[in-house]
């Protein structure tokens, strides 16, 4: 593509009879190369922004899933602690005879 542009410029300059120096060709090639590099960089930035935008839209789903998983784990641990507390309280109630269960070893002696 660069060769085509240079050839076109040289042909146009030859027809018009404008003298083209080596210095002008070097500047022209530098400008063309810079333009191409800037274009490629702009395309890469645009593509990266599109990918990041898609990732941001997908991220709330992952965050929500992680939040729900943590909440479920916390709920399960809470239920386990609740059952442990209930077992300890029931053991204390049996020990001091506050439960109706008479089969435990700490039952009160009642006069019959």
PDB file of N, CA and C in Angstrom:
ATOM      1  N   UNK A   1       0.833  -1.187   0.000  1.00  0.00           N
ATOM      2  CA  UNK A   1       0.000   0.000   0.000  1.00  0.00           C
ATOM      3  C   UNK A   1       0.869   1.240   0.000  1.00  0.00           C
ATOM      4  N   UNK A   2       1.940   1.204   0.771  1.00  0.00           N
ATOM      5  CA  UNK A   2       2.837   2.343   0.836  1.00  0.00           C
ATOM      6  C   UNK A   2       3.500   2.551  -0.512  1.00  0.00           C
ATOM      7  N   UNK A   3       3.876   1.451  -1.164  1.00  0.00           N
ATOM      8  CA  UNK A   3       4.520   1.541  -2.474  1.00  0.00           C
ATOM      9  C   UNK A   3       3.576   2.150  -3.501  1.00  0.00           C
ATOM     10  N   UNK A   4       2.311   1.787  -3.413  1.00  0.00           N
ATOM     11  CA  UNK A   4       1.325   2.326  -4.346  1.00  0.00           C
ATOM     12  C   UNK A   4       1.187   3.823  -4.148  1.00  0.00           C
ATOM     13  N   UNK A   5       1.121   4.256  -2.885  1.00  0.00           N
ATOM     14  CA  UNK A   5       0.994   5.685  -2.593  1.00  0.00           C
ATOM     15  C   UNK A   5       2.217   6.437  -3.086  1.00  0.00           C
ATOM     16  N   UNK A   6       3.394   5.884  -2.855  1.00  0.00           N
ATOM     17  CA  UNK A   6       4.630   6.534  -3.294  1.00  0.00           C
ATOM     18  C   UNK A   6       4.669   6.607  -4.808  1.00  0.00           C
ATOM     19  N   UNK A   7       4.280   5.523  -5.469  1.00  0.00           N
ATOM     20  CA  UNK A   7       4.280   5.510  -6.934  1.00  0.00           C
ATOM     21  C   UNK A   7       3.309   6.534  -7.493  1.00  0.00           C
ATOM     22  N   UNK A   8       2.130   6.627  -6.883  1.00  0.00           N
ATOM     23  CA  UNK A   8       1.130   7.588  -7.325  1.00  0.00           C
ATOM     24  C   UNK A   8       1.662   8.995  -7.127  1.00  0.00           C
ATOM     25  N   UNK A   9       2.283   9.238  -5.974  1.00  0.00           N
ATOM     26  CA  UNK A   9       2.821  10.569  -5.703  1.00  0.00           C
ATOM     27  C   UNK A   9       3.932  10.908  -6.688  1.00  0.00           C
ATOM     28  N   UNK A  10       4.798   9.976  -6.970  1.00  0.00           N
ATOM     29  CA  UNK A  10       5.896  10.202  -7.896  1.00  0.00           C
ATOM     30  C   UNK A  10       5.363  10.443  -9.300  1.00  0.00           C
ATOM     31  N   UNK A  11       4.343   9.649  -9.709  1.00  0.00           N
ATOM     32  CA  UNK A  11       3.759   9.818 -11.035  1.00  0.00           C
ATOM     33  C   UNK A  11       3.098  11.175 -11.176  1.00  0.00           C
ATOM     34  N   UNK A  12       2.368  11.580 -10.143  1.00  0.00           N
ATOM     35  CA  UNK A  12       1.704  12.876 -10.163  1.00  0.00           C
ATOM     36  C   UNK A  12       2.750  13.976 -10.224  1.00  0.00           C
ATOM     37  N   UNK A  13       3.800  13.814  -9.437  1.00  0.00           N
ATOM     38  CA  UNK A  13       4.835  14.837  -9.404  1.00  0.00           C
ATOM     39  C   UNK A  13       5.573  14.908 -10.737  1.00  0.00           C
ATOM     40  N   UNK A  14       5.781  13.773 -11.391  1.00  0.00           N
ATOM     41  CA  UNK A  14       6.486  13.747 -12.675  1.00  0.00           C
ATOM     42  C   UNK A  14       5.643  14.408 -13.750  1.00  0.00           C
ATOM     43  N   UNK A  15       4.333  14.141 -13.731  1.00  0.00           N
ATOM     44  CA  UNK A  15       3.451  14.734 -14.739  1.00  0.00           C
ATOM     45  C   UNK A  15       3.367  16.244 -14.577  1.00  0.00           C
ATOM     46  N   UNK A  16       3.384  16.682 -13.323  1.00  0.00           N
ATOM     47  CA  UNK A  16       3.248  18.109 -13.075  1.00  0.00           C
ATOM     48  C   UNK A  16       4.619  18.787 -13.201  1.00  0.00           C
ATOM     49  N   UNK A  17       5.634  17.997 -13.249  1.00  0.00           N
ATOM     50  CA  UNK A  17       6.998  18.457 -13.360  1.00  0.00           C
ATOM     51  C   UNK A  17       7.464  19.196 -12.118  1.00  0.00           C
ATOM     52  N   UNK A  18       7.028  18.639 -10.939  1.00  0.00           N
ATOM     53  CA  UNK A  18       7.513  19.162  -9.670  1.00  0.00           C
ATOM     54  C   UNK A  18       8.702  18.304  -9.290  1.00  0.00           C
ATOM     55  N   UNK A  19       9.806  18.899  -8.981  1.00  0.00           N
ATOM     56  CA  UNK A  19      10.962  18.088  -8.620  1.00  0.00           C
ATOM     57  C   UNK A  19      10.755  17.426  -7.254  1.00  0.00           C
ATOM     58  N   UNK A  20      10.918  16.112  -7.188  1.00  0.00           N
ATOM     59  CA  UNK A  20      10.765  15.370  -5.951  1.00  0.00           C
ATOM     60  C   UNK A  20      12.157  14.992  -5.490  1.00  0.00           C
ATOM     61  N   UNK A  21      12.479  15.465  -4.315  1.00  0.00           N
ATOM     62  CA  UNK A  21      13.800  15.151  -3.788  1.00  0.00           C
ATOM     63  C   UNK A  21      13.710  13.948  -2.865  1.00  0.00           C
ATOM     64  N   UNK A  22      14.832  13.407  -2.557  1.00  0.00           N
ATOM     65  CA  UNK A  22      14.901  12.270  -1.649  1.00  0.00           C
ATOM     66  C   UNK A  22      14.391  12.667  -0.267  1.00  0.00           C
ATOM     67  N   UNK A  23      14.670  13.883   0.114  1.00  0.00           N
ATOM     68  CA  UNK A  23      14.213  14.382   1.421  1.00  0.00           C
ATOM     69  C   UNK A  23      12.684  14.412   1.485  1.00  0.00           C
ATOM     70  N   UNK A  24      12.025  14.830   0.425  1.00  0.00           N
ATOM     71  CA  UNK A  24      10.564  14.872   0.379  1.00  0.00           C
ATOM     72  C   UNK A  24       9.985  13.471   0.438  1.00  0.00           C
ATOM     73  N   UNK A  25      10.624  12.508  -0.246  1.00  0.00           N
ATOM     74  CA  UNK A  25      10.139  11.131  -0.212  1.00  0.00           C
ATOM     75  C   UNK A  25      10.292  10.521   1.189  1.00  0.00           C
ATOM     76  N   UNK A  26      11.372  10.823   1.857  1.00  0.00           N
ATOM     77  CA  UNK A  26      11.571  10.311   3.215  1.00  0.00           C
ATOM     78  C   UNK A  26      10.512  10.880   4.148  1.00  0.00           C
ATOM     79  N   UNK A  27      10.228  12.171   4.013  1.00  0.00           N
ATOM     80  CA  UNK A  27       9.185  12.789   4.845  1.00  0.00           C
ATOM     81  C   UNK A  27       7.837  12.175   4.517  1.00  0.00           C
ATOM     82  N   UNK A  28       7.542  11.979   3.242  1.00  0.00           N
ATOM     83  CA  UNK A  28       6.267  11.382   2.831  1.00  0.00           C
ATOM     84  C   UNK A  28       6.117   9.972   3.383  1.00  0.00           C
ATOM     85  N   UNK A  29       7.159   9.179   3.280  1.00  0.00           N
ATOM     86  CA  UNK A  29       7.091   7.813   3.815  1.00  0.00           C
ATOM     87  C   UNK A  29       6.926   7.828   5.329  1.00  0.00           C
ATOM     88  N   UNK A  30       7.586   8.727   6.018  1.00  0.00           N
ATOM     89  CA  UNK A  30       7.429   8.843   7.475  1.00  0.00           C
ATOM     90  C   UNK A  30       6.011   9.202   7.869  1.00  0.00           C
ATOM     91  N   UNK A  31       5.422  10.138   7.132  1.00  0.00           N
ATOM     92  CA  UNK A  31       4.034  10.541   7.415  1.00  0.00           C
ATOM     93  C   UNK A  31       3.079   9.376   7.159  1.00  0.00           C
ATOM     94  N   UNK A  32       3.281   8.685   6.042  1.00  0.00           N
ATOM     95  CA  UNK A  32       2.412   7.541   5.742  1.00  0.00           C
ATOM     96  C   UNK A  32       2.565   6.433   6.791  1.00  0.00           C
ATOM     97  N   UNK A  33       3.789   6.127   7.174  1.00  0.00           N
ATOM     98  CA  UNK A  33       4.016   5.088   8.185  1.00  0.00           C
ATOM     99  C   UNK A  33       3.406   5.500   9.526  1.00  0.00           C
ATOM    100  N   UNK A  34       3.561   6.751   9.887  1.00  0.00           N
ATOM    101  CA  UNK A  34       2.964   7.244  11.131  1.00  0.00           C
ATOM    102  C   UNK A  34       1.450   7.158  11.103  1.00  0.00           C
ATOM    103  N   UNK A  35       0.872   7.518   9.960  1.00  0.00           N
ATOM    104  CA  UNK A  35      -0.592   7.438   9.833  1.00  0.00           C
ATOM    105  C   UNK A  35      -1.075   5.997   9.972  1.00  0.00           C
ATOM    106  N   UNK A  36      -0.355   5.091   9.350  1.00  0.00           N
ATOM    107  CA  UNK A  36      -0.742   3.675   9.447  1.00  0.00           C
ATOM    108  C   UNK A  36      -0.614   3.185  10.879  1.00  0.00           C
ATOM    109  N   UNK A  37       0.468   3.536  11.548  1.00  0.00           N
ATOM    110  CA  UNK A  37       0.640   3.121  12.949  1.00  0.00           C
ATOM    111  C   UNK A  37      -0.440   3.702  13.843  1.00  0.00           C
ATOM    112  N   UNK A  38      -0.781   4.963  13.630  1.00  0.00           N
ATOM    113  CA  UNK A  38      -1.848   5.583  14.435  1.00  0.00           C
ATOM    114  C   UNK A  38      -3.183   4.885  14.162  1.00  0.00           C
ATOM    115  N   UNK A  39      -3.441   4.537  12.914  1.00  0.00           N
ATOM    116  CA  UNK A  39      -4.677   3.817  12.576  1.00  0.00           C
ATOM    117  C   UNK A  39      -4.738   2.456  13.233  1.00  0.00           C
ATOM    118  N   UNK A  40      -3.650   1.708  13.188  1.00  0.00           N
ATOM    119  CA  UNK A  40      -3.610   0.385  13.822  1.00  0.00           C
ATOM    120  C   UNK A  40      -3.787   0.507  15.328  1.00  0.00           C
ATOM    121  N   UNK A  41      -3.119   1.507  15.931  1.00  0.00           N
ATOM    122  CA  UNK A  41      -3.261   1.720  17.378  1.00  0.00           C
ATOM    123  C   UNK A  41      -4.697   2.062  17.738  1.00  0.00           C
ATOM    124  N   UNK A  42      -5.343   2.922  16.937  1.00  0.00           N
ATOM    125  CA  UNK A  42      -6.736   3.288  17.202  1.00  0.00           C
ATOM    126  C   UNK A  42      -7.646   2.065  17.106  1.00  0.00           C
ATOM    127  N   UNK A  43      -7.416   1.215  16.106  1.00  0.00           N
ATOM    128  CA  UNK A  43      -8.230  -0.005  15.969  1.00  0.00           C
ATOM    129  C   UNK A  43      -8.034  -0.934  17.161  1.00  0.00           C
ATOM    130  N   UNK A  44      -6.787  -1.088  17.599  1.00  0.00           N
ATOM    131  CA  UNK A  44      -6.515  -1.948  18.756  1.00  0.00           C
ATOM    132  C   UNK A  44      -7.192  -1.407  20.011  1.00  0.00           C
ATOM    133  N   UNK A  45      -7.107  -0.098  20.217  1.00  0.00           N
ATOM    134  CA  UNK A  45      -7.750   0.509  21.399  1.00  0.00           C
ATOM    135  C   UNK A  45      -9.256   0.321  21.340  1.00  0.00           C
ATOM    136  N   UNK A  46      -9.839   0.486  20.164  1.00  0.00           N
ATOM    137  CA  UNK A  46     -11.280   0.337  20.026  1.00  0.00           C
ATOM    138  C   UNK A  46     -11.703  -1.099  20.324  1.00  0.00           C
ATOM    139  N   UNK A  47     -10.938  -2.065  19.798  1.00  0.00           N
ATOM    140  CA  UNK A  47     -11.254  -3.475  20.057  1.00  0.00           C
ATOM    141  C   UNK A  47     -11.113  -3.809  21.544  1.00  0.00           C
ATOM    142  N   UNK A  48     -10.071  -3.290  22.172  1.00  0.00           N
ATOM    143  CA  UNK A  48      -9.878  -3.548  23.605  1.00  0.00           C
ATOM    144  C   UNK A  48     -11.010  -2.956  24.426  1.00  0.00           C
ATOM    145  N   UNK A  49     -11.458  -1.768  24.054  1.00  0.00           N
ATOM    146  CA  UNK A  49     -12.568  -1.143  24.781  1.00  0.00           C
ATOM    147  C   UNK A  49     -13.839  -1.958  24.623  1.00  0.00           C
ATOM    148  N   UNK A  50     -14.066  -2.506  23.451  1.00  0.00           N
ATOM    149  CA  UNK A  50     -15.246  -3.352  23.233  1.00  0.00           C
ATOM    150  C   UNK A  50     -15.170  -4.603  24.096  1.00  0.00           C
ATOM    151  N   UNK A  51     -13.992  -5.208  24.158  1.00  0.00           N
ATOM    152  CA  UNK A  51     -13.822  -6.418  24.970  1.00  0.00           C
ATOM    153  C   UNK A  51     -14.022  -6.097  26.445  1.00  0.00           C
ATOM    154  N   UNK A  52     -13.488  -4.974  26.897  1.00  0.00           N
ATOM    155  CA  UNK A  52     -13.640  -4.586  28.303  1.00  0.00           C
ATOM    156  C   UNK A  52     -15.100  -4.301  28.630  1.00  0.00           C
ATOM    157  N   UNK A  53     -15.793  -3.692  27.690  1.00  0.00           N
ATOM    158  CA  UNK A  53     -17.201  -3.386  27.912  1.00  0.00           C
ATOM    159  C   UNK A  53     -18.010  -4.673  28.050  1.00  0.00           C
ATOM    160  N   UNK A  54     -17.698  -5.658  27.214  1.00  0.00           N
ATOM    161  CA  UNK A  54     -18.388  -6.953  27.308  1.00  0.00           C
ATOM    162  C   UNK A  54     -18.070  -7.640  28.627  1.00  0.00           C
ATOM    163  N   UNK A  55     -16.815  -7.534  29.047  1.00  0.00           N
ATOM    164  CA  UNK A  55     -16.410  -8.160  30.309  1.00  0.00           C
ATOM    165  C   UNK A  55     -17.105  -7.481  31.481  1.00  0.00           C
ATOM    166  N   UNK A  56     -17.276  -6.164  31.414  1.00  0.00           N
ATOM    167  CA  UNK A  56     -17.957  -5.455  32.497  1.00  0.00           C
ATOM    168  C   UNK A  56     -19.413  -5.867  32.598  1.00  0.00           C
ATOM    169  N   UNK A  57     -20.040  -6.089  31.447  1.00  0.00           N
ATOM    170  CA  UNK A  57     -21.439  -6.510  31.471  1.00  0.00           C
ATOM    171  C   UNK A  57     -21.576  -7.933  31.999  1.00  0.00           C
ATOM    172  N   UNK A  58     -20.589  -8.771  31.787  1.00  0.00           N
ATOM    173  CA  UNK A  58     -20.631 -10.155  32.271  1.00  0.00           C
ATOM    174  C   UNK A  58     -20.245 -10.225  33.739  1.00  0.00           C
ATOM    175  N   UNK A  59     -19.506  -9.260  34.226  1.00  0.00           N
ATOM    176  CA  UNK A  59     -18.997  -9.288  35.592  1.00  0.00           C
ATOM    177  C   UNK A  59     -20.097  -9.277  36.657  1.00  0.00           C
ATOM    178  N   UNK A  60     -21.170  -8.490  36.527  1.00  0.00           N
ATOM    179  CA  UNK A  60     -22.195  -8.526  37.582  1.00  0.00           C
ATOM    180  C   UNK A  60     -22.770  -9.920  37.804  1.00  0.00           C
ATOM    181  N   UNK A  61     -22.879 -10.711  36.752  1.00  0.00           N
ATOM    182  CA  UNK A  61     -23.373 -12.073  36.912  1.00  0.00           C
ATOM    183  C   UNK A  61     -22.430 -12.884  37.791  1.00  0.00           C
ATOM    184  N   UNK A  62     -21.123 -12.741  37.539  1.00  0.00           N
ATOM    185  CA  UNK A  62     -20.147 -13.474  38.357  1.00  0.00           C
ATOM    186  C   UNK A  62     -20.157 -12.951  39.786  1.00  0.00           C
ATOM    187  N   UNK A  63     -20.240 -11.618  39.937  1.00  0.00           N
ATOM    188  CA  UNK A  63     -20.260 -11.043  41.280  1.00  0.00           C
ATOM    189  C   UNK A  63     -21.510 -11.478  42.040  1.00  0.00           C
ATOM    190  N   UNK A  64     -22.627 -11.482  41.349  1.00  0.00           N
ATOM    191  CA  UNK A  64     -23.878 -11.897  41.989  1.00  0.00           C
ATOM    192  C   UNK A  64     -23.825 -13.376  42.375  1.00  0.00           C
ATOM    193  N   UNK A  65     -23.258 -14.187  41.498  1.00  0.00           N
ATOM    194  CA  UNK A  65     -23.131 -15.614  41.794  1.00  0.00           C
ATOM    195  C   UNK A  65     -22.228 -15.830  43.011  1.00  0.00           C
ATOM    196  N   UNK A  66     -21.114 -15.120  43.058  1.00  0.00           N
ATOM    197  CA  UNK A  66     -20.198 -15.237  44.193  1.00  0.00           C
ATOM    198  C   UNK A  66     -20.868 -14.753  45.475  1.00  0.00           C
ATOM    199  N   UNK A  67     -21.629 -13.648  45.388  1.00  0.00           N
ATOM    200  CA  UNK A  67     -22.336 -13.130  46.549  1.00  0.00           C
ATOM    201  C   UNK A  67     -23.364 -14.139  47.052  1.00  0.00           C
ATOM    202  N   UNK A  68     -24.114 -14.735  46.134  1.00  0.00           N
ATOM    203  CA  UNK A  68     -25.125 -15.727  46.534  1.00  0.00           C
ATOM    204  C   UNK A  68     -24.476 -16.955  47.165  1.00  0.00           C
ATOM    205  N   UNK A  69     -23.340 -17.382  46.616  1.00  0.00           N
ATOM    206  CA  UNK A  69     -22.639 -18.541  47.167  1.00  0.00           C
ATOM    207  C   UNK A  69     -22.145 -18.244  48.581  1.00  0.00           C
ATOM    208  N   UNK A  70     -21.575 -17.059  48.800  1.00  0.00           N
ATOM    209  CA  UNK A  70     -21.110 -16.693  50.143  1.00  0.00           C
ATOM    210  C   UNK A  70     -22.278 -16.584  51.114  1.00  0.00           C
ATOM    211  N   UNK A  71     -23.375 -16.011  50.647  1.00  0.00           N
ATOM    212  CA  UNK A  71     -24.547 -15.873  51.507  1.00  0.00           C
ATOM    213  C   UNK A  71     -25.085 -17.245  51.907  1.00  0.00           C
ATOM    214  N   UNK A  72     -25.094 -18.190  50.969  1.00  0.00           N
ATOM    215  CA  UNK A  72     -25.562 -19.542  51.269  1.00  0.00           C
ATOM    216  C   UNK A  72     -24.640 -20.236  52.269  1.00  0.00           C
ATOM    217  N   UNK A  73     -23.318 -20.059  52.090  1.00  0.00           N
ATOM    218  CA  UNK A  73     -22.370 -20.641  53.043  1.00  0.00           C
ATOM    219  C   UNK A  73     -22.563 -20.053  54.436  1.00  0.00           C
ATOM    220  N   UNK A  74     -22.763 -18.750  54.510  1.00  0.00           N
ATOM    221  CA  UNK A  74     -22.986 -18.104  55.815  1.00  0.00           C
ATOM    222  C   UNK A  74     -24.276 -18.618  56.454  1.00  0.00           C
ATOM    223  N   UNK A  75     -25.307 -18.815  55.635  1.00  0.00           N
ATOM    224  CA  UNK A  75     -26.575 -19.310  56.166  1.00  0.00           C
ATOM    225  C   UNK A  75     -26.414 -20.730  56.708  1.00  0.00           C
ATOM    226  N   UNK A  76     -25.659 -21.560  55.989  1.00  0.00           N
ATOM    227  CA  UNK A  76     -25.434 -22.926  56.450  1.00  0.00           C
ATOM    228  C   UNK A  76     -24.639 -22.944  57.757  1.00  0.00           C
ATOM    229  N   UNK A  77     -23.589 -22.105  57.841  1.00  0.00           N
ATOM    230  CA  UNK A  77     -22.816 -22.047  59.087  1.00  0.00           C
ATOM    231  C   UNK A  77     -23.677 -21.541  60.240  1.00  0.00           C
ATOM    232  N   UNK A  78     -24.557 -20.589  59.926  1.00  0.00           N
ATOM    233  CA  UNK A  78     -25.453 -20.070  60.954  1.00  0.00           C
ATOM    234  C   UNK A  78     -26.395 -21.168  61.452  1.00  0.00           C
ATOM    235  N   UNK A  79     -26.927 -21.961  60.522  1.00  0.00           N
ATOM    236  CA  UNK A  79     -27.805 -23.067  60.914  1.00  0.00           C
ATOM    237  C   UNK A  79     -27.057 -24.088  61.776  1.00  0.00           C
ATOM    238  N   UNK A  80     -25.806 -24.382  61.414  1.00  0.00           N
ATOM    239  CA  UNK A  80     -25.013 -25.333  62.208  1.00  0.00           C
ATOM    240  C   UNK A  80     -24.787 -24.798  63.619  1.00  0.00           C
ATOM    241  N   UNK A  81     -24.444 -23.520  63.724  1.00  0.00           N
ATOM    242  CA  UNK A  81     -24.239 -22.927  65.057  1.00  0.00           C
ATOM    243  C   UNK A  81     -25.540 -22.919  65.861  1.00  0.00           C
ATOM    244  N   UNK A  82     -26.634 -22.682  65.167  1.00  0.00           N
ATOM    245  CA  UNK A  82     -27.931 -22.674  65.841  1.00  0.00           C
ATOM    246  C   UNK A  82     -28.264 -24.061  66.400  1.00  0.00           C
ATOM    247  N   UNK A  83     -27.988 -25.099  65.605  1.00  0.00           N
ATOM    248  CA  UNK A  83     -28.245 -26.458  66.082  1.00  0.00           C
ATOM    249  C   UNK A  83     -27.330 -26.821  67.252  1.00  0.00           C
ATOM    250  N   UNK A  84     -26.062 -26.410  67.195  1.00  0.00           N
ATOM    251  CA  UNK A  84     -25.140 -26.665  68.310  1.00  0.00           C
ATOM    252  C   UNK A  84     -25.616 -25.980  69.590  1.00  0.00           C
ATOM    253  N   UNK A  85     -26.060 -24.729  69.471  1.00  0.00           N
ATOM    254  CA  UNK A  85     -26.583 -24.017  70.651  1.00  0.00           C
ATOM    255  C   UNK A  85     -27.806 -24.720  71.216  1.00  0.00           C
ATOM    256  N   UNK A  86     -28.692 -25.167  70.300  1.00  0.00           N
ATOM    257  CA  UNK A  86     -29.898 -25.854  70.767  1.00  0.00           C
ATOM    258  C   UNK A  86     -29.541 -27.149  71.492  1.00  0.00           C
ATOM    259  N   UNK A  87     -28.570 -27.904  70.969  1.00  0.00           N
ATOM    260  CA  UNK A  87     -28.149 -29.141  71.630  1.00  0.00           C
ATOM    261  C   UNK A  87     -27.575 -28.861  73.016  1.00  0.00           C
ATOM    262  N   UNK A  88     -26.757 -27.836  73.124  1.00  0.00           N
ATOM    263  CA  UNK A  88     -26.192 -27.488  74.430  1.00  0.00           C
ATOM    264  C   UNK A  88     -27.284 -27.062  75.412  1.00  0.00           C
ATOM    265  N   UNK A  89     -28.227 -26.260  74.919  1.00  0.00           N
ATOM    266  CA  UNK A  89     -29.321 -25.823  75.794  1.00  0.00           C
ATOM    267  C   UNK A  89     -30.174 -27.008  76.229  1.00  0.00           C
ATOM    268  N   UNK A  90     -30.451 -27.920  75.311  1.00  0.00           N
ATOM    269  CA  UNK A  90     -31.239 -29.107  75.662  1.00  0.00           C
ATOM    270  C   UNK A  90     -30.504 -29.974  76.683  1.00  0.00           C
ATOM    271  N   UNK A  91     -29.178 -30.111  76.543  1.00  0.00           N
ATOM    272  CA  UNK A  91     -28.378 -30.879  77.497  1.00  0.00           C
ATOM    273  C   UNK A  91     -28.457 -30.241  78.890  1.00  0.00           C
ATOM    274  N   UNK A  92     -28.362 -28.936  78.910  1.00  0.00           N
ATOM    275  CA  UNK A  92     -28.461 -28.244  80.212  1.00  0.00           C
ATOM    276  C   UNK A  92     -29.856 -28.422  80.796  1.00  0.00           C
ATOM    277  N   UNK A  93     -30.886 -28.328  79.975  1.00  0.00           N
ATOM    278  CA  UNK A  93     -32.259 -28.507  80.477  1.00  0.00           C
ATOM    279  C   UNK A  93     -32.458 -29.922  81.009  1.00  0.00           C
ATOM    280  N   UNK A  94     -31.909 -30.924  80.292  1.00  0.00           N
ATOM    281  CA  UNK A  94     -32.030 -32.301  80.780  1.00  0.00           C
ATOM    282  C   UNK A  94     -31.271 -32.461  82.095  1.00  0.00           C
ATOM    283  N   UNK A  95     -30.110 -31.860  82.181  1.00  0.00           N
ATOM    284  CA  UNK A  95     -29.287 -31.995  83.380  1.00  0.00           C
ATOM    285  C   UNK A  95     -30.018 -31.466  84.608  1.00  0.00           C
ATOM    286  N   UNK A  96     -30.688 -30.360  84.462  1.00  0.00           N
ATOM    287  CA  UNK A  96     -31.367 -29.757  85.607  1.00  0.00           C
ATOM    288  C   UNK A  96     -32.849 -30.086  85.670  1.00  0.00           C
ATOM    289  N   UNK A  97     -33.299 -31.008  84.861  1.00  0.00           N
ATOM    290  CA  UNK A  97     -34.660 -31.506  84.957  1.00  0.00           C
ATOM    291  C   UNK A  97     -35.706 -30.549  84.436  1.00  0.00           C
ATOM    292  N   UNK A  98     -35.352 -29.708  83.521  1.00  0.00           N
ATOM    293  CA  UNK A  98     -36.315 -28.754  82.991  1.00  0.00           C
ATOM    294  C   UNK A  98     -37.029 -29.278  81.751  1.00  0.00           C
ATOM    295  N   UNK A  99     -36.635 -30.473  81.294  1.00  0.00           N
ATOM    296  CA  UNK A  99     -37.295 -31.078  80.138  1.00  0.00           C
ATOM    297  C   UNK A  99     -38.196 -32.195  80.625  1.00  0.00           C
ATOM    298  N   UNK A 100     -39.151 -32.555  79.797  1.00  0.00           N
ATOM    299  CA  UNK A 100     -40.072 -33.607  80.173  1.00  0.00           C
ATOM    300  C   UNK A 100     -39.490 -35.006  80.041  1.00  0.00           C
ATOM    301  N   UNK A 101     -38.322 -35.124  79.477  1.00  0.00           N
ATOM    302  CA  UNK A 101     -37.715 -36.437  79.261  1.00  0.00           C
ATOM    303  C   UNK A 101     -37.204 -36.987  80.593  1.00  0.00           C
ATOM    304  N   UNK A 102     -37.702 -38.157  81.025  1.00  0.00           N
ATOM    305  CA  UNK A 102     -37.314 -38.735  82.318  1.00  0.00           C
ATOM    306  C   UNK A 102     -36.241 -39.807  82.164  1.00  0.00           C
ATOM    307  N   UNK A 103     -35.835 -40.101  80.940  1.00  0.00           N
ATOM    308  CA  UNK A 103     -34.882 -41.174  80.724  1.00  0.00           C
ATOM    309  C   UNK A 103     -33.426 -40.737  80.868  1.00  0.00           C
ATOM    310  N   UNK A 104     -33.180 -39.468  81.051  1.00  0.00           N
ATOM    311  CA  UNK A 104     -31.794 -39.046  81.133  1.00  0.00           C
ATOM    312  C   UNK A 104     -31.249 -39.277  82.544  1.00  0.00           C
ATOM    313  N   UNK A 105     -29.949 -39.389  82.725  1.00  0.00           N
ATOM    314  CA  UNK A 105     -29.365 -39.770  84.012  1.00  0.00           C
ATOM    315  C   UNK A 105     -29.527 -38.718  85.113  1.00  0.00           C
ATOM    316  N   UNK A 106     -29.836 -37.498  84.753  1.00  0.00           N
ATOM    317  CA  UNK A 106     -29.937 -36.448  85.766  1.00  0.00           C
ATOM    318  C   UNK A 106     -31.384 -36.145  86.142  1.00  0.00           C
ATOM    319  N   UNK A 107     -32.276 -37.092  85.945  1.00  0.00           N
ATOM    320  CA  UNK A 107     -33.685 -36.816  86.231  1.00  0.00           C
ATOM    321  C   UNK A 107     -33.899 -36.665  87.742  1.00  0.00           C
ATOM    322  N   UNK A 108     -34.887 -35.870  88.076  1.00  0.00           N
ATOM    323  CA  UNK A 108     -35.201 -35.615  89.500  1.00  0.00           C
ATOM    324  C   UNK A 108     -35.824 -36.861  90.107  1.00  0.00           C
ATOM    325  N   UNK A 109     -35.545 -37.052  91.381  1.00  0.00           N
ATOM    326  CA  UNK A 109     -36.219 -38.115  92.116  1.00  0.00           C
ATOM    327  C   UNK A 109     -37.531 -37.551  92.631  1.00  0.00           C
ATOM    328  N   UNK A 110     -38.585 -38.180  92.266  1.00  0.00           N
ATOM    329  CA  UNK A 110     -39.874 -37.705  92.755  1.00  0.00           C
ATOM    330  C   UNK A 110     -40.462 -38.741  93.683  1.00  0.00           C
ATOM    331  N   UNK A 111     -41.093 -38.254  94.713  1.00  0.00           N
ATOM    332  CA  UNK A 111     -41.758 -39.154  95.650  1.00  0.00           C
ATOM    333  C   UNK A 111     -43.051 -39.646  95.034  1.00  0.00           C
ATOM    334  N   UNK A 112     -43.191 -40.933  95.003  1.00  0.00           N
ATOM    335  CA  UNK A 112     -44.391 -41.490  94.420  1.00  0.00           C
ATOM    336  C   UNK A 112     -45.318 -42.001  95.473  1.00  0.00           C
TER     337      UNK A 112
END
